[in-house]
C-alpha cells in the first residue's frame, strides 16, 4: 500500500508554506498528499462567543482554501483533504500514524512556541511516530533554499541507532538527485568518562577522531549499498553537535536529525541537537524518531 505525506494547515502563512513544501515533496516521491485541519469547537475559548455552525464553516473554508491553492499550483498532485474535529495534537498524531512524513510550519527564528499551532508544534514533534518536517515561511511560501543544495544528516550512535535517520536522509537525497552530507560531531569526554575499555577501543583506531570516522563509515555502509546512486560526502568534526550540524547545513535544502524516543519527566523532549536545528536552521528540518 502506497504511503502518504500529511500536512497540517490552519489558515496561516506558515501552514500555507508547509503545504506548498509538502506538495512538492509528494510529487518528488510520487506519493499522495493528505491535508488536514484540526478544529475543536470551544465556545468559551474566545472573547467573542461564536456559534458552532459559524465556526464549522470557518474550518471548512480554511481547508478549502488550502486545497484550492495546491490544486491550482500542482494539478498533477494526488490530493485529499479532511477537517478533524478534535484537538490539534491528537488530531495530527492520528492523521500521521502511518504516514511517510508529517509536515508542519514554523514562524521562523525564536522561541519554540513559534511552531505551527503554537506550543502544540513541539508536542507533535516529540510524540509523532513518523518523521516530522518543520518548514519556515516567507510570505506564505517556504523560505528559499538552494535547489542544488545537499541533503545534510546528523549521524550519532551505532549502526542500529541511526538506521532510521539515515534511511530518511538517503530517500530524500535520492528523490532530489543531490549529494548527501553525513555529519558526525564528537567531543573529548570528561575525565570521569574515560575507561580502560573505551580507550582501548579508540586506541585500536589510532585515536578518537579516527574512531569517529570509522563509526560513521560503518553506519553508512548498508545505506550506500541500498542507494548506490546517492553521492555521499562525510564530515567528522570535533565540537557540539548542534553547532557542527548547523554550519554544515548552511546551504542545504533539507536537514535531517534524530530524536530518541523516550518519555520526558517534564514537557515534550526533543533533544538538544533537534532543538538547535529547529530554532536556527533556515532550510526545512526533518526530525526522525529512533530507538
C-alpha atoms as a PDB file:
ATOM      1  CA  UNK A   1       0.000   0.000   0.000  1.00  0.00           C
ATOM      2  CA  UNK A   2       1.363   3.408  -1.007  1.00  0.00           C
ATOM      3  CA  UNK A   3       2.080   5.608   1.988  1.00  0.00           C
ATOM      4  CA  UNK A   4       1.097   9.258   2.187  1.00  0.00           C
ATOM      5  CA  UNK A   5       2.509  12.589   3.194  1.00  0.00           C
ATOM      6  CA  UNK A   6       0.393  14.521   5.683  1.00  0.00           C
ATOM      7  CA  UNK A   7       0.429  18.280   6.215  1.00  0.00           C
ATOM      8  CA  UNK A   8      -1.367  20.265   8.907  1.00  0.00           C
ATOM      9  CA  UNK A   9      -2.921  23.608   7.930  1.00  0.00           C
ATOM     10  CA  UNK A  10      -4.582  26.329   9.997  1.00  0.00           C
ATOM     11  CA  UNK A  11      -5.012  29.181   7.512  1.00  0.00           C
ATOM     12  CA  UNK A  12      -1.769  30.940   8.474  1.00  0.00           C
ATOM     13  CA  UNK A  13       1.069  31.941   6.141  1.00  0.00           C
ATOM     14  CA  UNK A  14       3.213  29.372   7.894  1.00  0.00           C
ATOM     15  CA  UNK A  15       0.861  26.493   7.223  1.00  0.00           C
ATOM     16  CA  UNK A  16       0.475  27.521   3.577  1.00  0.00           C
ATOM     17  CA  UNK A  17       4.257  27.371   3.224  1.00  0.00           C
ATOM     18  CA  UNK A  18       4.263  23.925   4.822  1.00  0.00           C
ATOM     19  CA  UNK A  19       1.524  22.762   2.449  1.00  0.00           C
ATOM     20  CA  UNK A  20       3.439  24.048  -0.579  1.00  0.00           C
ATOM     21  CA  UNK A  21       6.613  22.255   0.511  1.00  0.00           C
ATOM     22  CA  UNK A  22       4.665  19.063   1.236  1.00  0.00           C
ATOM     23  CA  UNK A  23       3.040  19.143  -2.205  1.00  0.00           C
ATOM     24  CA  UNK A  24       6.377  19.391  -3.977  1.00  0.00           C
ATOM     25  CA  UNK A  25       7.818  16.652  -1.800  1.00  0.00           C
ATOM     26  CA  UNK A  26       4.868  14.377  -2.571  1.00  0.00           C
ATOM     27  CA  UNK A  27       5.425  14.899  -6.286  1.00  0.00           C
ATOM     28  CA  UNK A  28       9.137  14.153  -5.939  1.00  0.00           C
ATOM     29  CA  UNK A  29       8.324  10.847  -4.262  1.00  0.00           C
ATOM     30  CA  UNK A  30       5.223  10.044  -6.322  1.00  0.00           C
ATOM     31  CA  UNK A  31       3.114   9.892  -3.178  1.00  0.00           C
ATOM     32  CA  UNK A  32      -0.365  11.224  -2.365  1.00  0.00           C
ATOM     33  CA  UNK A  33      -0.746  14.196  -0.043  1.00  0.00           C
ATOM     34  CA  UNK A  34      -3.346  14.369   2.713  1.00  0.00           C
ATOM     35  CA  UNK A  35      -4.157  17.871   4.012  1.00  0.00           C
ATOM     36  CA  UNK A  36      -5.732  18.107   7.466  1.00  0.00           C
ATOM     37  CA  UNK A  37      -7.140  20.946   9.520  1.00  0.00           C
ATOM     38  CA  UNK A  38      -7.763  20.230  13.202  1.00  0.00           C
ATOM     39  CA  UNK A  39     -10.756  22.041  14.636  1.00  0.00           C
ATOM     40  CA  UNK A  40     -12.345  21.596  18.046  1.00  0.00           C
ATOM     41  CA  UNK A  41     -15.312  23.801  18.893  1.00  0.00           C
ATOM     42  CA  UNK A  42     -14.611  25.685  22.120  1.00  0.00           C
ATOM     43  CA  UNK A  43     -17.419  28.240  22.526  1.00  0.00           C
ATOM     44  CA  UNK A  44     -15.919  29.962  25.574  1.00  0.00           C
ATOM     45  CA  UNK A  45     -12.279  29.996  24.455  1.00  0.00           C
ATOM     46  CA  UNK A  46     -12.515  33.311  22.596  1.00  0.00           C
ATOM     47  CA  UNK A  47     -13.561  36.796  23.806  1.00  0.00           C
ATOM     48  CA  UNK A  48     -16.499  36.692  21.374  1.00  0.00           C
ATOM     49  CA  UNK A  49     -18.558  33.525  21.538  1.00  0.00           C
ATOM     50  CA  UNK A  50     -19.349  32.118  18.108  1.00  0.00           C
ATOM     51  CA  UNK A  51     -21.967  29.521  17.333  1.00  0.00           C
ATOM     52  CA  UNK A  52     -20.889  26.055  16.312  1.00  0.00           C
ATOM     53  CA  UNK A  53     -22.196  26.299  12.747  1.00  0.00           C
ATOM     54  CA  UNK A  54     -20.271  29.512  12.064  1.00  0.00           C
ATOM     55  CA  UNK A  55     -17.041  28.013  13.367  1.00  0.00           C
ATOM     56  CA  UNK A  56     -17.589  24.796  11.428  1.00  0.00           C
ATOM     57  CA  UNK A  57     -17.996  26.779   8.191  1.00  0.00           C
ATOM     58  CA  UNK A  58     -14.823  28.667   9.003  1.00  0.00           C
ATOM     59  CA  UNK A  59     -12.934  25.405   9.461  1.00  0.00           C
ATOM     60  CA  UNK A  60     -14.241  24.153   6.116  1.00  0.00           C
ATOM     61  CA  UNK A  61     -13.137  27.399   4.468  1.00  0.00           C
ATOM     62  CA  UNK A  62      -9.582  27.013   5.831  1.00  0.00           C
ATOM     63  CA  UNK A  63      -9.352  23.553   4.323  1.00  0.00           C
ATOM     64  CA  UNK A  64     -10.939  24.512   1.003  1.00  0.00           C
ATOM     65  CA  UNK A  65      -8.570  27.450   0.623  1.00  0.00           C
ATOM     66  CA  UNK A  66      -5.516  25.255   1.156  1.00  0.00           C
ATOM     67  CA  UNK A  67      -6.886  22.556  -1.119  1.00  0.00           C
ATOM     68  CA  UNK A  68      -7.686  25.099  -3.852  1.00  0.00           C
ATOM     69  CA  UNK A  69      -4.214  26.669  -3.765  1.00  0.00           C
ATOM     70  CA  UNK A  70      -2.477  23.311  -4.050  1.00  0.00           C
ATOM     71  CA  UNK A  71      -4.766  22.049  -6.814  1.00  0.00           C
ATOM     72  CA  UNK A  72      -4.112  25.233  -8.805  1.00  0.00           C
ATOM     73  CA  UNK A  73      -0.323  25.091  -8.380  1.00  0.00           C
ATOM     74  CA  UNK A  74       0.079  21.324  -8.702  1.00  0.00           C
ATOM     75  CA  UNK A  75      -2.775  19.890 -10.819  1.00  0.00           C
ATOM     76  CA  UNK A  76      -0.976  16.539 -11.137  1.00  0.00           C
ATOM     77  CA  UNK A  77      -0.861  16.048  -7.356  1.00  0.00           C
ATOM     78  CA  UNK A  78      -2.925  13.239  -5.814  1.00  0.00           C
ATOM     79  CA  UNK A  79      -4.637  15.215  -3.049  1.00  0.00           C
ATOM     80  CA  UNK A  80      -7.149  14.520  -0.300  1.00  0.00           C
ATOM     81  CA  UNK A  81      -8.296  16.855   2.468  1.00  0.00           C
ATOM     82  CA  UNK A  82     -10.087  16.470   5.788  1.00  0.00           C
ATOM     83  CA  UNK A  83     -11.297  18.507   8.775  1.00  0.00           C
ATOM     84  CA  UNK A  84     -10.558  16.666  12.023  1.00  0.00           C
ATOM     85  CA  UNK A  85     -12.935  17.508  14.866  1.00  0.00           C
ATOM     86  CA  UNK A  86     -10.536  17.135  17.758  1.00  0.00           C
ATOM     87  CA  UNK A  87      -7.696  18.960  19.475  1.00  0.00           C
ATOM     88  CA  UNK A  88      -4.669  19.713  17.241  1.00  0.00           C
ATOM     89  CA  UNK A  89      -2.070  17.436  18.840  1.00  0.00           C
ATOM     90  CA  UNK A  90      -4.049  14.174  18.886  1.00  0.00           C
ATOM     91  CA  UNK A  91      -5.571  15.026  15.502  1.00  0.00           C
ATOM     92  CA  UNK A  92      -2.208  15.458  13.784  1.00  0.00           C
ATOM     93  CA  UNK A  93      -0.688  12.439  15.510  1.00  0.00           C
ATOM     94  CA  UNK A  94      -3.594  10.243  14.491  1.00  0.00           C
ATOM     95  CA  UNK A  95      -3.627  11.506  10.908  1.00  0.00           C
ATOM     96  CA  UNK A  96       0.105  10.846  10.552  1.00  0.00           C
ATOM     97  CA  UNK A  97       0.247   7.497  12.355  1.00  0.00           C
ATOM     98  CA  UNK A  98       1.076   5.572   9.153  1.00  0.00           C
ATOM     99  CA  UNK A  99       2.420   8.494   7.118  1.00  0.00           C
ATOM    100  CA  UNK A 100       5.767   8.712   5.409  1.00  0.00           C
ATOM    101  CA  UNK A 101       6.168  12.289   6.678  1.00  0.00           C
ATOM    102  CA  UNK A 102       4.163  14.804   8.669  1.00  0.00           C
ATOM    103  CA  UNK A 103       4.793  18.412   7.618  1.00  0.00           C
ATOM    104  CA  UNK A 104       4.134  21.481   9.798  1.00  0.00           C
ATOM    105  CA  UNK A 105       5.044  25.157   9.550  1.00  0.00           C
ATOM    106  CA  UNK A 106       7.116  27.329  11.843  1.00  0.00           C
ATOM    107  CA  UNK A 107       7.117  31.089  12.276  1.00  0.00           C
ATOM    108  CA  UNK A 108      10.862  31.394  11.924  1.00  0.00           C
ATOM    109  CA  UNK A 109      13.662  32.073  14.374  1.00  0.00           C
ATOM    110  CA  UNK A 110      12.806  32.420  18.026  1.00  0.00           C
ATOM    111  CA  UNK A 111      11.110  30.508  20.779  1.00  0.00           C
ATOM    112  CA  UNK A 112       9.759  27.016  20.370  1.00  0.00           C
ATOM    113  CA  UNK A 113       6.255  28.479  20.672  1.00  0.00           C
ATOM    114  CA  UNK A 114       6.824  29.698  17.120  1.00  0.00           C
ATOM    115  CA  UNK A 115       5.952  26.281  15.699  1.00  0.00           C
ATOM    116  CA  UNK A 116       2.682  25.877  13.829  1.00  0.00           C
ATOM    117  CA  UNK A 117      -0.265  25.786  16.239  1.00  0.00           C
ATOM    118  CA  UNK A 118       1.846  27.458  18.906  1.00  0.00           C
ATOM    119  CA  UNK A 119       3.293  25.169  21.547  1.00  0.00           C
ATOM    120  CA  UNK A 120       1.380  22.269  20.007  1.00  0.00           C
ATOM    121  CA  UNK A 121       4.105  22.000  17.372  1.00  0.00           C
ATOM    122  CA  UNK A 122       6.708  20.895  19.866  1.00  0.00           C
ATOM    123  CA  UNK A 123       4.331  18.326  21.333  1.00  0.00           C
ATOM    124  CA  UNK A 124       3.678  16.916  17.869  1.00  0.00           C
ATOM    125  CA  UNK A 125       7.381  16.686  17.044  1.00  0.00           C
ATOM    126  CA  UNK A 126       8.109  14.993  20.359  1.00  0.00           C
ATOM    127  CA  UNK A 127       5.319  12.420  20.101  1.00  0.00           C
ATOM    128  CA  UNK A 128       4.959  11.597  16.386  1.00  0.00           C
ATOM    129  CA  UNK A 129       5.710   8.054  15.276  1.00  0.00           C
ATOM    130  CA  UNK A 130       6.797   9.225  11.827  1.00  0.00           C
ATOM    131  CA  UNK A 131       9.369  11.866  10.798  1.00  0.00           C
ATOM    132  CA  UNK A 132       8.113  15.448  11.192  1.00  0.00           C
ATOM    133  CA  UNK A 133       9.337  18.159   8.820  1.00  0.00           C
ATOM    134  CA  UNK A 134       9.287  21.757  10.054  1.00  0.00           C
ATOM    135  CA  UNK A 135       9.160  24.336   7.242  1.00  0.00           C
ATOM    136  CA  UNK A 136       9.936  28.041   7.606  1.00  0.00           C
ATOM    137  CA  UNK A 137       7.876  30.543   5.651  1.00  0.00           C
ATOM    138  CA  UNK A 138       8.333  33.795   3.790  1.00  0.00           C
ATOM    139  CA  UNK A 139       5.150  35.452   2.512  1.00  0.00           C
ATOM    140  CA  UNK A 140       3.219  32.220   2.540  1.00  0.00           C
ATOM    141  CA  UNK A 141       5.858  30.211   0.662  1.00  0.00           C
ATOM    142  CA  UNK A 142       8.743  28.110   2.015  1.00  0.00           C
ATOM    143  CA  UNK A 143      11.936  30.066   2.693  1.00  0.00           C
ATOM    144  CA  UNK A 144      14.065  29.885  -0.451  1.00  0.00           C
ATOM    145  CA  UNK A 145      16.906  27.375  -0.231  1.00  0.00           C
ATOM    146  CA  UNK A 146      19.344  26.335  -2.989  1.00  0.00           C
ATOM    147  CA  UNK A 147      17.624  23.778  -5.223  1.00  0.00           C
ATOM    148  CA  UNK A 148      21.002  22.210  -5.892  1.00  0.00           C
ATOM    149  CA  UNK A 149      21.810  22.176  -2.170  1.00  0.00           C
ATOM    150  CA  UNK A 150      22.725  18.967  -0.406  1.00  0.00           C
ATOM    151  CA  UNK A 151      20.660  16.966   1.998  1.00  0.00           C
ATOM    152  CA  UNK A 152      22.516  17.030   5.325  1.00  0.00           C
ATOM    153  CA  UNK A 153      22.051  14.388   8.013  1.00  0.00           C
ATOM    154  CA  UNK A 154      23.387  14.235  11.549  1.00  0.00           C
ATOM    155  CA  UNK A 155      24.596  10.743  12.470  1.00  0.00           C
ATOM    156  CA  UNK A 156      25.276   9.635  16.005  1.00  0.00           C
ATOM    157  CA  UNK A 157      25.489   6.369  17.861  1.00  0.00           C
ATOM    158  CA  UNK A 158      25.867   2.988  16.231  1.00  0.00           C
ATOM    159  CA  UNK A 159      24.527   1.254  13.132  1.00  0.00           C
ATOM    160  CA  UNK A 160      21.134   0.297  14.543  1.00  0.00           C
ATOM    161  CA  UNK A 161      20.567   3.533  16.437  1.00  0.00           C
ATOM    162  CA  UNK A 162      20.987   5.718  13.363  1.00  0.00           C
ATOM    163  CA  UNK A 163      19.405   3.400  10.781  1.00  0.00           C
ATOM    164  CA  UNK A 164      16.007   5.132  10.544  1.00  0.00           C
ATOM    165  CA  UNK A 165      17.559   8.613  10.438  1.00  0.00           C
ATOM    166  CA  UNK A 166      19.868   7.587   7.596  1.00  0.00           C
ATOM    167  CA  UNK A 167      17.021   5.879   5.724  1.00  0.00           C
ATOM    168  CA  UNK A 168      15.036   9.122   5.674  1.00  0.00           C
ATOM    169  CA  UNK A 169      18.083  11.113   4.586  1.00  0.00           C
ATOM    170  CA  UNK A 170      19.074   8.731   1.780  1.00  0.00           C
ATOM    171  CA  UNK A 171      15.500   8.665   0.456  1.00  0.00           C
ATOM    172  CA  UNK A 172      15.373  12.462   0.452  1.00  0.00           C
ATOM    173  CA  UNK A 173      18.707  12.739  -1.375  1.00  0.00           C
ATOM    174  CA  UNK A 174      17.640  10.136  -3.918  1.00  0.00           C
ATOM    175  CA  UNK A 175      14.333  11.928  -4.572  1.00  0.00           C
ATOM    176  CA  UNK A 176      16.190  15.214  -5.166  1.00  0.00           C
ATOM    177  CA  UNK A 177      19.140  13.663  -7.017  1.00  0.00           C
ATOM    178  CA  UNK A 178      21.592  15.610  -4.888  1.00  0.00           C
ATOM    179  CA  UNK A 179      24.528  14.573  -2.680  1.00  0.00           C
ATOM    180  CA  UNK A 180      24.047  13.564   0.918  1.00  0.00           C
ATOM    181  CA  UNK A 181      26.385  15.062   3.505  1.00  0.00           C
ATOM    182  CA  UNK A 182      26.648  12.830   6.568  1.00  0.00           C
ATOM    183  CA  UNK A 183      27.885  14.705   9.634  1.00  0.00           C
ATOM    184  CA  UNK A 184      29.193  13.239  12.888  1.00  0.00           C
ATOM    185  CA  UNK A 185      30.285  15.555  15.688  1.00  0.00           C
ATOM    186  CA  UNK A 186      32.414  14.404  18.568  1.00  0.00           C
ATOM    187  CA  UNK A 187      33.942  15.913  21.681  1.00  0.00           C
ATOM    188  CA  UNK A 188      36.511  14.884  24.238  1.00  0.00           C
ATOM    189  CA  UNK A 189      34.858  13.055  27.132  1.00  0.00           C
ATOM    190  CA  UNK A 190      35.285  14.411  30.663  1.00  0.00           C
ATOM    191  CA  UNK A 191      37.859  12.699  32.832  1.00  0.00           C
ATOM    192  CA  UNK A 192      35.217  10.573  34.546  1.00  0.00           C
ATOM    193  CA  UNK A 193      34.065   9.366  31.115  1.00  0.00           C
ATOM    194  CA  UNK A 194      37.316   7.567  30.398  1.00  0.00           C
ATOM    195  CA  UNK A 195      37.513   3.846  30.989  1.00  0.00           C
ATOM    196  CA  UNK A 196      40.207   1.304  30.099  1.00  0.00           C
ATOM    197  CA  UNK A 197      37.791  -0.500  27.770  1.00  0.00           C
ATOM    198  CA  UNK A 198      36.591   2.536  25.834  1.00  0.00           C
ATOM    199  CA  UNK A 199      40.076   3.983  25.471  1.00  0.00           C
ATOM    200  CA  UNK A 200      41.427   0.616  24.307  1.00  0.00           C
ATOM    201  CA  UNK A 201      38.793   0.531  21.557  1.00  0.00           C
ATOM    202  CA  UNK A 202      39.645   4.088  20.494  1.00  0.00           C
ATOM    203  CA  UNK A 203      43.350   3.262  20.507  1.00  0.00           C
ATOM    204  CA  UNK A 204      42.775   0.436  18.023  1.00  0.00           C
ATOM    205  CA  UNK A 205      41.714   3.080  15.513  1.00  0.00           C
ATOM    206  CA  UNK A 206      44.642   5.355  16.276  1.00  0.00           C
ATOM    207  CA  UNK A 207      42.758   7.794  18.497  1.00  0.00           C
ATOM    208  CA  UNK A 208      39.323   9.292  18.985  1.00  0.00           C
ATOM    209  CA  UNK A 209      38.945  11.073  15.632  1.00  0.00           C
ATOM    210  CA  UNK A 210      39.799   8.003  13.502  1.00  0.00           C
ATOM    211  CA  UNK A 211      37.402   6.023  15.698  1.00  0.00           C
ATOM    212  CA  UNK A 212      34.592   8.526  14.990  1.00  0.00           C
ATOM    213  CA  UNK A 213      35.311   8.415  11.253  1.00  0.00           C
ATOM    214  CA  UNK A 214      35.227   4.618  11.283  1.00  0.00           C
ATOM    215  CA  UNK A 215      31.945   4.640  13.213  1.00  0.00           C
ATOM    216  CA  UNK A 216      30.368   6.955  10.631  1.00  0.00           C
ATOM    217  CA  UNK A 217      31.541   4.813   7.719  1.00  0.00           C
ATOM    218  CA  UNK A 218      30.188   1.696   9.400  1.00  0.00           C
ATOM    219  CA  UNK A 219      26.765   3.281   9.920  1.00  0.00           C
ATOM    220  CA  UNK A 220      26.639   4.471   6.293  1.00  0.00           C
ATOM    221  CA  UNK A 221      27.751   1.207   4.676  1.00  0.00           C
ATOM    222  CA  UNK A 222      24.373  -0.599   4.405  1.00  0.00           C
ATOM    223  CA  UNK A 223      22.711   2.542   3.038  1.00  0.00           C
ATOM    224  CA  UNK A 224      25.435   3.139   0.462  1.00  0.00           C
ATOM    225  CA  UNK A 225      24.751  -0.365  -0.806  1.00  0.00           C
ATOM    226  CA  UNK A 226      20.983   0.189  -0.890  1.00  0.00           C
ATOM    227  CA  UNK A 227      21.244   3.611  -2.571  1.00  0.00           C
ATOM    228  CA  UNK A 228      24.355   3.329  -4.787  1.00  0.00           C
ATOM    229  CA  UNK A 229      23.229   6.282  -6.924  1.00  0.00           C
ATOM    230  CA  UNK A 230      23.406   8.699  -3.980  1.00  0.00           C
ATOM    231  CA  UNK A 231      26.731  10.507  -3.702  1.00  0.00           C
ATOM    232  CA  UNK A 232      27.819  10.600  -0.061  1.00  0.00           C
ATOM    233  CA  UNK A 233      30.117  13.193   1.480  1.00  0.00           C
ATOM    234  CA  UNK A 234      31.306  12.532   5.034  1.00  0.00           C
ATOM    235  CA  UNK A 235      32.105  15.204   7.601  1.00  0.00           C
ATOM    236  CA  UNK A 236      33.558  14.427  11.025  1.00  0.00           C
ATOM    237  CA  UNK A 237      34.378  17.344  13.308  1.00  0.00           C
ATOM    238  CA  UNK A 238      35.124  17.947  16.955  1.00  0.00           C
ATOM    239  CA  UNK A 239      32.550  20.222  18.557  1.00  0.00           C
ATOM    240  CA  UNK A 240      28.974  20.410  19.789  1.00  0.00           C
ATOM    241  CA  UNK A 241      26.507  18.504  17.660  1.00  0.00           C
ATOM    242  CA  UNK A 242      24.191  21.446  17.085  1.00  0.00           C
ATOM    243  CA  UNK A 243      26.923  23.878  16.055  1.00  0.00           C
ATOM    244  CA  UNK A 244      28.725  21.437  13.742  1.00  0.00           C
ATOM    245  CA  UNK A 245      25.486  20.371  12.069  1.00  0.00           C
ATOM    246  CA  UNK A 246      24.143  23.901  11.544  1.00  0.00           C
ATOM    247  CA  UNK A 247      27.429  25.019   9.997  1.00  0.00           C
ATOM    248  CA  UNK A 248      27.440  22.056   7.629  1.00  0.00           C
ATOM    249  CA  UNK A 249      23.798  22.734   6.658  1.00  0.00           C
ATOM    250  CA  UNK A 250      24.217  26.459   5.900  1.00  0.00           C
ATOM    251  CA  UNK A 251      23.498  25.870   2.189  1.00  0.00           C
ATOM    252  CA  UNK A 252      21.424  22.696   2.472  1.00  0.00           C
ATOM    253  CA  UNK A 253      17.917  22.224   1.109  1.00  0.00           C
ATOM    254  CA  UNK A 254      16.994  19.776   3.881  1.00  0.00           C
ATOM    255  CA  UNK A 255      18.469  18.923   7.270  1.00  0.00           C
ATOM    256  CA  UNK A 256      17.687  15.538   8.848  1.00  0.00           C
ATOM    257  CA  UNK A 257      18.228  14.940  12.571  1.00  0.00           C
ATOM    258  CA  UNK A 258      17.273  12.198  15.000  1.00  0.00           C
ATOM    259  CA  UNK A 259      15.119  12.259  18.104  1.00  0.00           C
ATOM    260  CA  UNK A 260      15.452   9.463  20.623  1.00  0.00           C
ATOM    261  CA  UNK A 261      12.065   8.026  21.576  1.00  0.00           C
ATOM    262  CA  UNK A 262      11.679   8.330  25.334  1.00  0.00           C
ATOM    263  CA  UNK A 263       9.372   9.711  27.957  1.00  0.00           C
ATOM    264  CA  UNK A 264      10.492  13.045  29.370  1.00  0.00           C
ATOM    265  CA  UNK A 265       9.900  13.729  33.054  1.00  0.00           C
ATOM    266  CA  UNK A 266       8.596  17.210  32.260  1.00  0.00           C
ATOM    267  CA  UNK A 267       7.316  18.562  28.952  1.00  0.00           C
ATOM    268  CA  UNK A 268       7.964  17.338  25.414  1.00  0.00           C
ATOM    269  CA  UNK A 269      11.582  16.238  24.987  1.00  0.00           C
ATOM    270  CA  UNK A 270      13.093  16.568  21.501  1.00  0.00           C
ATOM    271  CA  UNK A 271      16.832  16.549  22.287  1.00  0.00           C
ATOM    272  CA  UNK A 272      19.412  19.314  22.190  1.00  0.00           C
ATOM    273  CA  UNK A 273      20.538  18.790  18.576  1.00  0.00           C
ATOM    274  CA  UNK A 274      16.982  18.741  17.191  1.00  0.00           C
ATOM    275  CA  UNK A 275      16.191  21.752  19.368  1.00  0.00           C
ATOM    276  CA  UNK A 276      19.103  23.727  17.888  1.00  0.00           C
ATOM    277  CA  UNK A 277      18.240  22.705  14.332  1.00  0.00           C
ATOM    278  CA  UNK A 278      14.582  23.666  14.656  1.00  0.00           C
ATOM    279  CA  UNK A 279      15.486  27.055  16.138  1.00  0.00           C
ATOM    280  CA  UNK A 280      18.271  28.098  13.795  1.00  0.00           C
ATOM    281  CA  UNK A 281      18.348  26.162  10.505  1.00  0.00           C
ATOM    282  CA  UNK A 282      16.990  28.156   7.568  1.00  0.00           C
ATOM    283  CA  UNK A 283      16.151  25.092   5.495  1.00  0.00           C
ATOM    284  CA  UNK A 284      13.356  22.640   6.366  1.00  0.00           C
ATOM    285  CA  UNK A 285      14.270  20.277   9.199  1.00  0.00           C
ATOM    286  CA  UNK A 286      13.151  16.642   9.375  1.00  0.00           C
ATOM    287  CA  UNK A 287      13.104  15.222  12.922  1.00  0.00           C
ATOM    288  CA  UNK A 288      13.170  11.418  12.846  1.00  0.00           C
ATOM    289  CA  UNK A 289      12.210   9.319  15.895  1.00  0.00           C
ATOM    290  CA  UNK A 290      14.501   6.378  16.604  1.00  0.00           C
ATOM    291  CA  UNK A 291      15.103   3.839  19.362  1.00  0.00           C
END
